[in-house]
Amino acid sequence: MTTLILSPMERSCLRWLLLGWSVREIAMLEGKGEGEIRSCLDRAVQRLGATSLNDAVTAMMNSTSKRSPS
C-alpha cells in the first residue's frame, strides 16, 4: 500500500473542504491568506496524484479509512 504523505496543513485544508467550507472561510479559520490556502490545496492535489480537489478529498478519505487501528 502506498503511504500518502500530506502536511498537517494540507490535511486540515482538505478536511475543511470536506465539511463544505470555502477557501475564504478556511483562510479565516486557519489565520492564513486565501492564496496560501489555494497553494496548500494545490500541493495536496499533486502529492495525492489527484486531478481535482474532489479526487484529493476522496483519496485522503480512502487512505484514512484503510489505516489499521492502533
N, C-alpha and C. Protein backbone atom coordinates (compact mmCIF):
# COMPACT_ATOMS: atom_id res chain seq x y z
N MET A 1 0.84 -1.19 0.00
CA MET A 1 0.00 0.00 0.00
C MET A 1 0.88 1.24 0.00
N THR A 2 0.51 2.23 -0.79
CA THR A 2 1.25 3.48 -0.85
C THR A 2 0.85 4.35 0.33
N THR A 3 1.83 4.91 1.01
CA THR A 3 1.55 5.82 2.11
C THR A 3 1.43 7.23 1.55
N LEU A 4 0.34 7.88 1.85
CA LEU A 4 0.12 9.24 1.39
C LEU A 4 0.65 10.20 2.44
N ILE A 5 1.58 11.03 2.03
CA ILE A 5 2.20 11.95 2.97
C ILE A 5 1.72 13.36 2.68
N LEU A 6 0.91 13.86 3.56
CA LEU A 6 0.42 15.23 3.49
C LEU A 6 0.90 15.96 4.73
N SER A 7 1.15 17.25 4.57
CA SER A 7 1.49 18.05 5.75
C SER A 7 0.23 18.20 6.60
N PRO A 8 0.41 18.53 7.86
CA PRO A 8 -0.77 18.74 8.71
C PRO A 8 -1.70 19.82 8.14
N MET A 9 -1.11 20.86 7.54
CA MET A 9 -1.92 21.93 6.97
C MET A 9 -2.70 21.45 5.75
N GLU A 10 -2.05 20.66 4.91
CA GLU A 10 -2.73 20.11 3.72
C GLU A 10 -3.91 19.23 4.15
N ARG A 11 -3.66 18.38 5.13
CA ARG A 11 -4.71 17.51 5.64
C ARG A 11 -5.86 18.33 6.23
N SER A 12 -5.51 19.34 6.99
CA SER A 12 -6.52 20.20 7.61
C SER A 12 -7.37 20.90 6.55
N CYS A 13 -6.73 21.46 5.55
CA CYS A 13 -7.46 22.17 4.49
C CYS A 13 -8.40 21.23 3.74
N LEU A 14 -7.94 20.02 3.45
CA LEU A 14 -8.81 19.05 2.77
C LEU A 14 -9.99 18.67 3.66
N ARG A 15 -9.75 18.55 4.94
CA ARG A 15 -10.86 18.21 5.86
C ARG A 15 -11.88 19.35 5.91
N TRP A 16 -11.40 20.60 5.95
CA TRP A 16 -12.33 21.72 5.93
C TRP A 16 -13.16 21.71 4.65
N LEU A 17 -12.52 21.41 3.53
CA LEU A 17 -13.26 21.31 2.26
C LEU A 17 -14.33 20.23 2.35
N LEU A 18 -13.97 19.11 2.90
CA LEU A 18 -14.91 18.00 3.06
C LEU A 18 -16.14 18.44 3.85
N LEU A 19 -15.94 19.33 4.80
CA LEU A 19 -17.04 19.83 5.63
C LEU A 19 -17.82 20.95 4.96
N GLY A 20 -17.39 21.32 3.75
CA GLY A 20 -18.14 22.32 2.98
C GLY A 20 -17.68 23.76 3.11
N TRP A 21 -16.53 23.97 3.73
CA TRP A 21 -16.01 25.33 3.88
C TRP A 21 -15.37 25.80 2.58
N SER A 22 -15.45 27.09 2.31
CA SER A 22 -14.83 27.69 1.13
C SER A 22 -13.37 28.03 1.43
N VAL A 23 -12.61 28.33 0.38
CA VAL A 23 -11.21 28.73 0.57
C VAL A 23 -11.15 29.97 1.46
N ARG A 24 -12.03 30.91 1.23
CA ARG A 24 -12.05 32.13 2.05
C ARG A 24 -12.30 31.79 3.52
N GLU A 25 -13.26 30.91 3.78
CA GLU A 25 -13.57 30.53 5.15
C GLU A 25 -12.42 29.76 5.80
N ILE A 26 -11.79 28.88 5.04
CA ILE A 26 -10.65 28.12 5.57
C ILE A 26 -9.52 29.09 5.93
N ALA A 27 -9.28 30.07 5.06
CA ALA A 27 -8.23 31.05 5.33
C ALA A 27 -8.50 31.79 6.64
N MET A 28 -9.74 32.17 6.85
CA MET A 28 -10.09 32.87 8.09
C MET A 28 -9.91 31.96 9.30
N LEU A 29 -10.34 30.70 9.17
CA LEU A 29 -10.22 29.76 10.28
C LEU A 29 -8.77 29.46 10.63
N GLU A 30 -7.93 29.35 9.61
CA GLU A 30 -6.53 28.99 9.81
C GLU A 30 -5.63 30.21 10.03
N GLY A 31 -6.17 31.41 9.86
CA GLY A 31 -5.37 32.62 10.03
C GLY A 31 -4.34 32.79 8.92
N LYS A 32 -4.69 32.36 7.72
CA LYS A 32 -3.80 32.44 6.56
C LYS A 32 -4.47 33.23 5.46
N GLY A 33 -3.71 33.56 4.42
CA GLY A 33 -4.27 34.22 3.26
C GLY A 33 -4.92 33.21 2.32
N GLU A 34 -5.85 33.68 1.51
CA GLU A 34 -6.52 32.79 0.56
C GLU A 34 -5.53 32.17 -0.41
N GLY A 35 -4.55 32.93 -0.84
CA GLY A 35 -3.53 32.41 -1.76
C GLY A 35 -2.73 31.28 -1.14
N GLU A 36 -2.43 31.42 0.14
CA GLU A 36 -1.68 30.36 0.85
C GLU A 36 -2.52 29.08 0.95
N ILE A 37 -3.82 29.24 1.18
CA ILE A 37 -4.71 28.07 1.26
C ILE A 37 -4.82 27.41 -0.12
N ARG A 38 -4.97 28.21 -1.18
CA ARG A 38 -5.03 27.64 -2.53
C ARG A 38 -3.75 26.88 -2.86
N SER A 39 -2.60 27.44 -2.50
CA SER A 39 -1.32 26.77 -2.75
C SER A 39 -1.23 25.47 -1.97
N CYS A 40 -1.69 25.49 -0.75
CA CYS A 40 -1.69 24.30 0.10
C CYS A 40 -2.56 23.20 -0.54
N LEU A 41 -3.73 23.58 -1.02
CA LEU A 41 -4.63 22.63 -1.65
C LEU A 41 -4.04 22.11 -2.97
N ASP A 42 -3.37 22.99 -3.72
CA ASP A 42 -2.72 22.55 -4.96
C ASP A 42 -1.64 21.52 -4.68
N ARG A 43 -0.85 21.75 -3.62
CA ARG A 43 0.19 20.79 -3.24
C ARG A 43 -0.43 19.46 -2.84
N ALA A 44 -1.53 19.51 -2.10
CA ALA A 44 -2.20 18.28 -1.67
C ALA A 44 -2.69 17.49 -2.88
N VAL A 45 -3.25 18.17 -3.87
CA VAL A 45 -3.71 17.50 -5.09
C VAL A 45 -2.54 16.82 -5.77
N GLN A 46 -1.42 17.53 -5.89
CA GLN A 46 -0.23 16.95 -6.53
C GLN A 46 0.31 15.76 -5.75
N ARG A 47 0.44 15.90 -4.45
CA ARG A 47 1.01 14.81 -3.63
C ARG A 47 0.15 13.55 -3.68
N LEU A 48 -1.15 13.75 -3.81
CA LEU A 48 -2.06 12.61 -3.85
C LEU A 48 -2.23 12.04 -5.25
N GLY A 49 -1.62 12.70 -6.23
CA GLY A 49 -1.75 12.25 -7.61
C GLY A 49 -3.18 12.39 -8.11
N ALA A 50 -3.90 13.35 -7.56
CA ALA A 50 -5.29 13.58 -7.92
C ALA A 50 -5.38 14.55 -9.09
N THR A 51 -6.56 14.62 -9.69
CA THR A 51 -6.76 15.55 -10.80
C THR A 51 -7.66 16.72 -10.40
N SER A 52 -8.23 16.65 -9.21
CA SER A 52 -9.11 17.72 -8.73
C SER A 52 -9.14 17.69 -7.20
N LEU A 53 -9.71 18.74 -6.64
CA LEU A 53 -9.86 18.77 -5.18
C LEU A 53 -10.77 17.66 -4.70
N ASN A 54 -11.83 17.40 -5.45
CA ASN A 54 -12.74 16.30 -5.07
C ASN A 54 -12.00 14.98 -5.03
N ASP A 55 -11.16 14.73 -6.05
CA ASP A 55 -10.37 13.49 -6.06
C ASP A 55 -9.40 13.44 -4.88
N ALA A 56 -8.81 14.58 -4.54
CA ALA A 56 -7.86 14.63 -3.43
C ALA A 56 -8.56 14.32 -2.11
N VAL A 57 -9.75 14.88 -1.90
CA VAL A 57 -10.51 14.62 -0.68
C VAL A 57 -10.86 13.14 -0.60
N THR A 58 -11.29 12.57 -1.73
CA THR A 58 -11.63 11.15 -1.77
C THR A 58 -10.41 10.29 -1.46
N ALA A 59 -9.26 10.63 -2.05
CA ALA A 59 -8.03 9.87 -1.80
C ALA A 59 -7.64 9.94 -0.33
N MET A 60 -7.76 11.12 0.27
CA MET A 60 -7.42 11.26 1.69
C MET A 60 -8.38 10.43 2.54
N MET A 61 -9.67 10.47 2.22
CA MET A 61 -10.65 9.69 2.99
C MET A 61 -10.38 8.20 2.86
N ASN A 62 -10.07 7.75 1.65
CA ASN A 62 -9.78 6.33 1.44
C ASN A 62 -8.53 5.91 2.19
N SER A 63 -7.53 6.76 2.20
CA SER A 63 -6.29 6.46 2.91
C SER A 63 -6.54 6.37 4.42
N THR A 64 -7.34 7.27 4.93
CA THR A 64 -7.63 7.28 6.36
C THR A 64 -8.45 6.08 6.77
N SER A 65 -9.40 5.68 5.92
CA SER A 65 -10.26 4.55 6.28
C SER A 65 -9.53 3.21 6.19
N LYS A 66 -8.40 3.15 5.46
CA LYS A 66 -7.65 1.90 5.31
C LYS A 66 -6.61 1.69 6.39
N ARG A 67 -6.41 2.71 7.24
CA ARG A 67 -5.43 2.57 8.32
C ARG A 67 -5.90 1.55 9.31
N SER A 68 -4.94 0.77 9.79
CA SER A 68 -5.30 -0.21 10.81
C SER A 68 -5.34 0.49 12.17
N PRO A 69 -6.23 0.07 13.04
CA PRO A 69 -6.33 0.69 14.36
C PRO A 69 -5.05 0.45 15.18
N SER A 70 -4.74 1.39 16.03
CA SER A 70 -3.53 1.28 16.87
C SER A 70 -3.77 0.41 18.05
